[in-house]
Structures are given as structure tokens and as C-alpha cells.
Protein backbone atom coordinates (compact mmCIF):
# COMPACT_ATOMS: atom_id res chain seq x y z
CA MET A 1 -121.33 -105.78 55.52
CA GLU A 2 -123.08 -103.45 53.17
CA ASN A 3 -122.18 -99.81 52.89
CA THR A 4 -125.37 -97.78 52.96
CA GLY A 5 -124.06 -94.24 52.77
CA ASN A 6 -121.77 -91.50 53.99
CA TYR A 7 -121.12 -91.64 57.76
CA ARG A 8 -118.35 -89.13 58.25
CA ASN A 9 -120.53 -86.62 60.21
CA THR A 10 -122.50 -89.21 62.18
CA PRO A 11 -122.14 -90.96 65.52
CA PHE A 12 -121.68 -94.17 63.54
CA TYR A 13 -118.53 -92.81 61.89
CA THR A 14 -117.12 -91.35 65.08
CA HIS A 15 -117.70 -94.26 67.41
CA ILE A 16 -117.80 -97.29 65.23
CA ILE A 17 -115.77 -96.65 62.04
CA ARG A 18 -113.13 -94.85 64.03
CA TYR A 19 -112.93 -95.95 67.67
CA ALA A 20 -114.49 -99.37 67.46
CA VAL A 21 -112.28 -100.42 64.54
CA ASP A 22 -109.25 -98.72 66.28
CA GLY A 23 -109.85 -100.82 69.38
CA PHE A 24 -110.17 -104.07 67.39
CA ALA A 25 -106.96 -103.27 65.39
CA HIS A 26 -105.08 -102.52 68.62
CA TYR A 27 -106.30 -105.82 70.11
CA PHE A 28 -105.47 -107.80 66.99
CA LEU A 29 -101.93 -106.46 66.67
CA MET A 30 -101.17 -107.06 70.41
CA ARG A 31 -102.56 -110.57 70.23
CA ASP A 32 -100.42 -111.21 67.18
CA LEU A 33 -97.41 -110.02 69.11
CA GLU A 34 -98.35 -112.07 72.18
CA ARG A 35 -98.78 -115.13 69.97
CA ALA A 36 -95.41 -114.59 68.45
CA LEU A 37 -93.73 -114.25 71.86
CA ASN A 38 -95.42 -117.45 73.10
CA THR A 39 -94.45 -119.48 70.07
CA GLY A 40 -90.95 -118.09 69.42
CA SER A 41 -92.06 -116.67 66.06
CA ARG A 42 -90.45 -113.54 64.53
CA ILE A 43 -91.69 -110.28 65.93
CA ASP A 44 -90.34 -108.39 62.92
CA GLU A 45 -92.65 -110.43 60.74
CA VAL A 46 -95.63 -109.34 62.76
CA LEU A 47 -94.45 -105.73 62.49
CA GLU A 48 -94.03 -106.08 58.82
CA ASN A 49 -97.54 -107.61 58.33
CA HIS A 50 -99.13 -104.65 60.14
CA LYS A 51 -96.77 -102.08 58.34
CA ILE A 52 -95.54 -100.70 61.65
CA ASN A 53 -93.50 -97.56 61.31
CA LEU A 54 -91.31 -96.50 64.29
CA ASP A 55 -89.65 -93.59 62.53
CA HIS A 56 -91.31 -90.91 64.70
CA LYS A 57 -89.56 -88.03 62.93
CA ASP A 58 -90.71 -89.25 59.62
CA ILE A 59 -94.34 -89.62 60.50
CA ASN A 60 -94.40 -86.55 62.83
CA ILE A 61 -96.23 -88.04 65.81
CA ARG A 62 -95.53 -87.35 69.51
CA ASN A 63 -96.19 -90.91 70.78
CA GLY A 64 -97.33 -94.34 69.76
CA PHE A 65 -96.55 -95.62 66.28
CA LYS A 66 -98.03 -95.68 62.81
CA GLY A 67 -99.48 -98.80 61.10
CA SER A 68 -102.12 -100.10 58.80
CA ILE A 69 -105.23 -102.20 59.11
CA ASP A 70 -104.85 -103.44 55.56
CA TYR A 71 -103.49 -106.81 56.89
CA ILE A 72 -106.55 -107.35 58.94
CA ARG A 73 -108.69 -106.80 55.94
CA ARG A 74 -106.58 -109.06 53.73
CA ILE A 75 -106.92 -112.04 55.96
CA GLY A 76 -110.71 -111.75 55.71
CA ILE A 77 -111.98 -109.84 58.72
CA ASP A 78 -114.80 -107.33 57.93
CA ILE A 79 -113.73 -103.73 58.33
CA PRO A 80 -116.16 -101.00 57.22
CA GLU A 81 -115.21 -100.04 53.69
CA GLU A 82 -115.44 -96.31 54.66
CA ARG A 83 -112.53 -96.72 57.02
CA GLU A 84 -109.09 -95.79 55.76
CA ASP A 85 -106.22 -98.14 56.29
CA ASN A 86 -103.91 -95.87 58.19
CA ILE A 87 -103.86 -95.89 61.99
CA ILE A 88 -101.74 -94.46 64.73
CA TYR A 89 -101.56 -96.94 67.49
CA PHE A 90 -101.89 -95.50 71.10
CA ASP A 91 -102.41 -92.04 69.62
CA ILE A 92 -102.50 -89.20 72.16
CA ASP A 93 -106.07 -88.59 70.91
CA TYR A 94 -107.19 -91.56 73.03
CA THR A 95 -106.24 -89.66 76.12
CA ASN A 96 -109.72 -88.01 76.03
CA ARG A 97 -111.34 -91.39 75.77
CA ILE A 98 -109.52 -92.44 78.95
CA LEU A 99 -110.17 -89.32 80.93
CA HIS A 100 -113.89 -89.32 80.22
CA SER A 101 -114.34 -93.07 80.12
CA ILE A 102 -117.57 -94.54 81.34
CA TRP A 103 -116.34 -98.03 80.70
CA ALA A 104 -113.61 -100.29 82.07
CA LEU A 105 -110.63 -98.51 80.63
CA ASN A 106 -107.88 -98.52 83.24
CA ARG A 107 -106.55 -94.99 83.40
CA ASN A 108 -103.07 -95.79 84.82
CA GLU A 109 -102.43 -98.75 82.54
CA SER A 110 -103.65 -96.85 79.54
CA ARG A 111 -101.34 -93.91 80.29
CA ASP A 112 -98.42 -96.29 80.43
CA ILE A 113 -98.92 -97.37 76.82
CA ILE A 114 -100.08 -94.02 75.43
CA ASN A 115 -97.53 -91.63 76.94
CA ARG A 116 -94.50 -93.29 75.30
CA LEU A 117 -92.64 -93.23 72.11
CA TRP A 118 -92.63 -96.94 71.27
CA LYS A 119 -89.27 -98.55 70.43
CA ILE A 120 -88.56 -101.91 68.90
CA GLU A 121 -87.75 -103.43 72.31
CA ASP A 122 -91.23 -102.59 73.52
CA PHE A 123 -92.68 -105.24 71.28
CA TYR A 124 -90.83 -107.87 73.25
CA ASN A 125 -92.18 -106.52 76.54
CA ARG A 126 -95.00 -108.89 77.71
CA ASP A 127 -96.34 -106.46 80.21
CA LEU A 128 -96.83 -103.76 77.63
CA ILE A 129 -98.29 -106.26 75.15
CA ARG A 130 -100.77 -107.41 77.84
CA LYS A 131 -101.73 -103.83 78.61
CA GLY A 132 -102.09 -102.97 74.89
CA LYS A 133 -104.38 -105.95 74.32
CA LYS A 134 -106.56 -105.08 77.25
CA PHE A 135 -106.67 -101.44 76.00
CA GLY A 136 -107.72 -102.40 72.49
CA LYS A 137 -110.54 -104.75 73.67
CA GLU A 138 -111.89 -102.25 76.07
CA LEU A 139 -111.66 -99.43 73.54
CA ASN A 140 -113.63 -101.44 71.15
CA GLN A 141 -116.32 -102.27 73.76
CA GLU A 142 -116.60 -98.77 75.01
CA ALA A 143 -117.08 -97.35 71.45
CA PHE A 144 -120.26 -99.39 71.15
CA VAL A 145 -121.57 -98.45 74.57
CA ILE A 146 -121.02 -94.78 73.97
CA TYR A 147 -122.63 -94.99 70.45
CA PHE A 148 -125.83 -96.60 71.74
CA MET A 149 -126.01 -94.24 74.76
CA GLN A 150 -125.58 -91.24 72.59
CA ILE A 151 -128.21 -92.07 69.99
CA GLY A 152 -130.64 -93.47 72.64
CA GLY A 153 -130.28 -90.67 75.16
CA HIS A 154 -128.62 -93.07 77.64
CA LEU A 155 -130.87 -95.90 76.38
CA ASN A 156 -133.92 -93.89 77.17
CA LEU A 157 -135.69 -93.16 73.91
CA LYS A 158 -137.90 -90.55 75.57
CA SER A 159 -134.88 -88.59 76.68
CA LYS A 160 -134.34 -85.08 75.33
CA THR A 161 -130.75 -85.92 74.61
CA THR A 162 -131.70 -88.57 72.08
CA ILE A 163 -129.86 -88.15 68.76
CA MET A 164 -131.54 -89.08 65.47
CA GLU A 165 -129.63 -91.79 63.69
CA SER A 166 -130.48 -93.59 60.52
CA ARG A 167 -131.91 -97.10 60.75
CA GLU A 168 -129.05 -98.31 58.49
CA ASN A 169 -126.41 -97.03 60.84
CA LEU A 170 -128.06 -98.52 63.85
CA LEU A 171 -128.43 -101.92 62.14
CA ARG A 172 -124.78 -101.88 61.07
CA ALA A 173 -123.69 -100.91 64.60
CA LEU A 174 -125.63 -103.85 66.04
CA LYS A 175 -124.13 -106.16 63.58
CA TYR A 176 -120.52 -105.03 64.10
CA LYS A 177 -120.86 -105.08 67.87
CA GLU A 178 -121.68 -108.81 67.72
CA TYR A 179 -119.17 -109.36 64.97
CA TYR A 180 -116.17 -107.86 66.68
CA ARG A 181 -117.12 -109.40 70.07
CA ASN A 182 -117.12 -112.86 68.42
CA TRP A 183 -113.86 -112.25 66.65
CA ILE A 184 -112.08 -110.96 69.79
CA ASN A 185 -113.14 -114.12 71.63
CA LEU A 186 -112.02 -116.29 68.71
CA VAL A 187 -108.72 -114.59 68.22
CA GLU A 188 -108.05 -114.90 71.91
CA ARG A 189 -108.53 -118.68 71.72
CA CYS A 190 -106.57 -119.32 68.61
CA PRO A 191 -102.96 -120.39 69.33
CA SER A 192 -101.65 -119.43 65.88
CA LEU A 193 -102.47 -117.23 62.92
CA VAL A 194 -103.13 -120.34 60.89
CA ASP A 195 -105.94 -121.12 63.28
CA VAL A 196 -107.44 -117.63 62.86
CA GLN A 197 -107.24 -117.94 59.09
CA GLN A 198 -108.88 -121.45 59.29
CA ALA A 199 -111.63 -120.01 61.35
CA ILE A 200 -112.20 -117.34 58.70
CA ARG A 201 -112.46 -119.94 55.94
CA ASN A 202 -114.96 -121.93 57.93
């Protein structure tokens, strides 16, 4: 999708480039891990693909783990070009999204996966993977809901809380909302990464 400007100080940057992409990346990683567990594939290969770093002292984070969305880009899924590759999965920053969530984020389950220093054995824990996948999907969905509520004054264009947003940003947000929704549905159905890649080619 076309880049039409600088979005760092806009609702589009905050909610779409940051949180919507973060949510999709969480979902995609957790689905990859779930697929590997279901098929007996190598978990370490999934972690390598996503450049997962569990050396918490080295990367100086209090919880979660560091990775990259470069792999998602390389297999052909559209990520806004303004978005950097680095990501901290289950960052403590997401706590604010949970506490003030207007969407379906489950606070208790989300705390289980955010308030922890992830270790290698956690990637073999089906319950954590299930919670992580759900968290990613809902974080992605919520980002779009908040974006449209914020720029539309809770979807009421006559509201005094309406925030002006460029037409380009709005159109991109609408496209990405549909795009990621379709991809989450597709990735959920695909039994293997080969099937995902085949779907991209088609």
C-alpha cells in the first residue's frame, strides 16, 4: 500500500502503524508456534525466523521478549513501510491498552502473558500460545476501533471530540483494517506455512 506521508504524530501512526501492526505480529508469531506444535516442527526454527531474543539482560527489558517483523514482510505480507522492524512482544506498555480497553481484551489472560519474563519452555506451552494468539488478534482489532472512534468523535462526525485526520490516513486505515482481518482469517485456516506462502502467491 502506498506511503503518502509522515504519520509519526498522527492517530494513524499511534493506532495503526504501532498497535495494529503489533497485534498482527503477535498473532502471526503465536500461530506459527501453534502450527509447529501441532505438526511436530521445530520451535527453534520459528524463533529464528522471527529473530526472537530471550537475553533479557542484553536487551534491557522487564518482561516479554524482543523480535522482528522483518520475516512477516519477507514472506509477502504488507506492513506499512513507516514501521520499523523491531518489536517487543508482550511489552509492559500494552498494560495501558488492557486497563483502558473498550474492546474484548481479556484482562486476566492478558496479564498472564504480559507480566512474565518469557523463557524457552514457554514457547512449548499450548495454553500460553493460545492466550498470546488471542491477545494479538484482539489488540489488532481494538487498534482499528480506537482509531476510528478517535478521529470520528466516537463515530459521530458532529461531536466536539472529532479529530481532524487526513483523507490519505483514513483511506489507508480502512484498507489495512480489511487487509489484516482477511489475513488473520486466512492464517488461522492454513495448516502449514507453505499454505500461507501459497496463498500470498495466489
